PDB file of N, CA and C in Angstrom:
ATOM      1  N   UNK A   1      88.160  94.733  84.943  1.00  0.00           N
ATOM      2  CA  UNK A   1      87.789  96.157  85.707  1.00  0.00           C
ATOM      3  C   UNK A   1      88.108  94.948  87.154  1.00  0.00           C
ATOM      4  N   UNK A   2      87.996  93.782  87.637  1.00  0.00           N
ATOM      5  CA  UNK A   2      88.236  93.168  88.679  1.00  0.00           C
ATOM      6  C   UNK A   2      89.612  93.895  89.320  1.00  0.00           C
ATOM      7  N   UNK A   3      90.609  93.357  87.988  1.00  0.00           N
ATOM      8  CA  UNK A   3      92.412  93.822  89.109  1.00  0.00           C
ATOM      9  C   UNK A   3      92.748  95.302  89.272  1.00  0.00           C
ATOM     10  N   UNK A   4      92.488  96.526  88.227  1.00  0.00           N
ATOM     11  CA  UNK A   4      92.666  97.309  89.008  1.00  0.00           C
ATOM     12  C   UNK A   4      91.739  97.700  90.371  1.00  0.00           C
ATOM     13  N   UNK A   5      90.813  96.972  90.485  1.00  0.00           N
ATOM     14  CA  UNK A   5      89.749  96.896  92.060  1.00  0.00           C
ATOM     15  C   UNK A   5      90.699  96.240  93.124  1.00  0.00           C
ATOM     16  N   UNK A   6      91.080  95.326  92.844  1.00  0.00           N
ATOM     17  CA  UNK A   6      92.026  94.202  93.810  1.00  0.00           C
ATOM     18  C   UNK A   6      93.283  94.989  94.035  1.00  0.00           C
ATOM     19  N   UNK A   7      93.782  95.689  93.300  1.00  0.00           N
ATOM     20  CA  UNK A   7      95.129  96.179  93.900  1.00  0.00           C
ATOM     21  C   UNK A   7      94.523  97.563  94.360  1.00  0.00           C
ATOM     22  N   UNK A   8      93.383  98.058  94.329  1.00  0.00           N
ATOM     23  CA  UNK A   8      93.447  99.222  95.138  1.00  0.00           C
ATOM     24  C   UNK A   8      92.935  99.172  96.291  1.00  0.00           C
ATOM     25  N   UNK A   9      92.548  97.655  96.462  1.00  0.00           N
ATOM     26  CA  UNK A   9      91.474  96.791  97.765  1.00  0.00           C
ATOM     27  C   UNK A   9      93.181  96.735  98.547  1.00  0.00           C
ATOM     28  N   UNK A  10      94.466  96.191  97.843  1.00  0.00           N
ATOM     29  CA  UNK A  10      95.178  95.884  98.604  1.00  0.00           C
ATOM     30  C   UNK A  10      96.359  96.881  99.294  1.00  0.00           C
ATOM     31  N   UNK A  11      95.961  98.440  97.956  1.00  0.00           N
ATOM     32  CA  UNK A  11      96.798  99.534  98.484  1.00  0.00           C
ATOM     33  C   UNK A  11      96.013  99.696  99.954  1.00  0.00           C
ATOM     34  N   UNK A  12      94.523  99.492 100.170  1.00  0.00           N
ATOM     35  CA  UNK A  12      93.870 100.185 100.880  1.00  0.00           C
ATOM     36  C   UNK A  12      94.169  99.305 102.139  1.00  0.00           C
ATOM     37  N   UNK A  13      93.964  98.247 102.439  1.00  0.00           N
ATOM     38  CA  UNK A  13      94.363  97.100 103.275  1.00  0.00           C
ATOM     39  C   UNK A  13      95.637  97.703 103.957  1.00  0.00           C
ATOM     40  N   UNK A  14      96.766  97.486 103.419  1.00  0.00           N
ATOM     41  CA  UNK A  14      98.158  98.404 103.532  1.00  0.00           C
ATOM     42  C   UNK A  14      98.457  99.683 104.578  1.00  0.00           C
ATOM     43  N   UNK A  15      97.750 100.511 104.047  1.00  0.00           N
ATOM     44  CA  UNK A  15      97.447 101.690 104.270  1.00  0.00           C
ATOM     45  C   UNK A  15      96.710 101.802 105.770  1.00  0.00           C
ATOM     46  N   UNK A  16      95.691 100.637 105.702  1.00  0.00           N
ATOM     47  CA  UNK A  16      94.492 100.890 106.588  1.00  0.00           C
ATOM     48  C   UNK A  16      95.854 100.261 107.928  1.00  0.00           C
ATOM     49  N   UNK A  17      96.486  98.872 107.752  1.00  0.00           N
ATOM     50  CA  UNK A  17      97.555  98.045 108.859  1.00  0.00           C
ATOM     51  C   UNK A  17      97.920  99.464 109.641  1.00  0.00           C
ATOM     52  N   UNK A  18      98.314 100.211 108.376  1.00  0.00           N
ATOM     53  CA  UNK A  18     100.000 101.012 108.708  1.00  0.00           C
ATOM     54  C   UNK A  18      98.880 102.782 109.785  1.00  0.00           C
ATOM     55  N   UNK A  19      98.189 102.633 109.690  1.00  0.00           N
ATOM     56  CA  UNK A  19      97.204 103.528 110.187  1.00  0.00           C
ATOM     57  C   UNK A  19      97.064 103.158 111.367  1.00  0.00           C
ATOM     58  N   UNK A  20      96.197 101.595 111.446  1.00  0.00           N
ATOM     59  CA  UNK A  20      96.189 101.364 112.744  1.00  0.00           C
ATOM     60  C   UNK A  20      97.151 100.903 113.945  1.00  0.00           C
ATOM     61  N   UNK A  21      98.224 100.867 113.610  1.00  0.00           N
ATOM     62  CA  UNK A  21      99.378 100.530 114.014  1.00  0.00           C
ATOM     63  C   UNK A  21      99.864 101.810 114.326  1.00  0.00           C
ATOM     64  N   UNK A  22      99.542 103.161 114.038  1.00  0.00           N
ATOM     65  CA  UNK A  22     100.237 104.089 114.468  1.00  0.00           C
ATOM     66  C   UNK A  22      98.981 104.614 115.594  1.00  0.00           C
ATOM     67  N   UNK A  23      97.631 104.662 115.334  1.00  0.00           N
ATOM     68  CA  UNK A  23      97.084 104.754 116.214  1.00  0.00           C
ATOM     69  C   UNK A  23      97.241 103.898 117.515  1.00  0.00           C
ATOM     70  N   UNK A  24      97.323 102.658 117.419  1.00  0.00           N
ATOM     71  CA  UNK A  24      97.847 101.879 119.127  1.00  0.00           C
ATOM     72  C   UNK A  24      98.354 102.556 118.990  1.00  0.00           C
ATOM     73  N   UNK A  25      99.780 102.939 118.740  1.00  0.00           N
ATOM     74  CA  UNK A  25     100.556 103.599 119.180  1.00  0.00           C
ATOM     75  C   UNK A  25     100.609 104.312 119.955  1.00  0.00           C
ATOM     76  N   UNK A  26     100.061 105.268 119.348  1.00  0.00           N
ATOM     77  CA  UNK A  26      99.326 107.348 119.960  1.00  0.00           C
ATOM     78  C   UNK A  26      98.597 106.800 120.631  1.00  0.00           C
ATOM     79  N   UNK A  27      97.867 105.276 121.016  1.00  0.00           N
ATOM     80  CA  UNK A  27      96.428 105.514 122.140  1.00  0.00           C
ATOM     81  C   UNK A  27      97.803 105.243 122.974  1.00  0.00           C
ATOM     82  N   UNK A  28      98.851 104.043 123.762  1.00  0.00           N
ATOM     83  CA  UNK A  28      99.622 103.515 124.131  1.00  0.00           C
ATOM     84  C   UNK A  28     100.733 104.954 124.580  1.00  0.00           C
ATOM     85  N   UNK A  29     100.713 105.861 124.083  1.00  0.00           N
ATOM     86  CA  UNK A  29     101.488 107.181 124.706  1.00  0.00           C
ATOM     87  C   UNK A  29     100.837 107.799 125.366  1.00  0.00           C
ATOM     88  N   UNK A  30      99.767 108.181 125.008  1.00  0.00           N
ATOM     89  CA  UNK A  30      98.525 108.513 125.687  1.00  0.00           C
ATOM     90  C   UNK A  30      98.160 108.415 127.055  1.00  0.00           C
ATOM     91  N   UNK A  31      97.877 106.817 126.986  1.00  0.00           N
ATOM     92  CA  UNK A  31      97.574 106.283 128.399  1.00  0.00           C
ATOM     93  C   UNK A  31      98.746 106.363 129.311  1.00  0.00           C
ATOM     94  N   UNK A  32     100.325 105.976 128.466  1.00  0.00           N
ATOM     95  CA  UNK A  32     101.360 106.520 129.084  1.00  0.00           C
ATOM     96  C   UNK A  32     101.539 107.921 130.240  1.00  0.00           C
ATOM     97  N   UNK A  33     101.070 108.778 129.441  1.00  0.00           N
ATOM     98  CA  UNK A  33     101.398 110.187 129.804  1.00  0.00           C
ATOM     99  C   UNK A  33      99.686 110.296 130.972  1.00  0.00           C
ATOM    100  N   UNK A  34      99.184 109.648 130.728  1.00  0.00           N
ATOM    101  CA  UNK A  34      97.768 109.643 131.759  1.00  0.00           C
ATOM    102  C   UNK A  34      98.073 108.690 132.783  1.00  0.00           C
TER     103      UNK A  34
END
């Protein structure tokens, strides 16, 4: 039970980091446009 959960959590953290990085990049582009 614990192993798949830990794997899913790792996958989630990786996706979240990628999302945050892309989001901040978009924020910077928007700020530069304004």
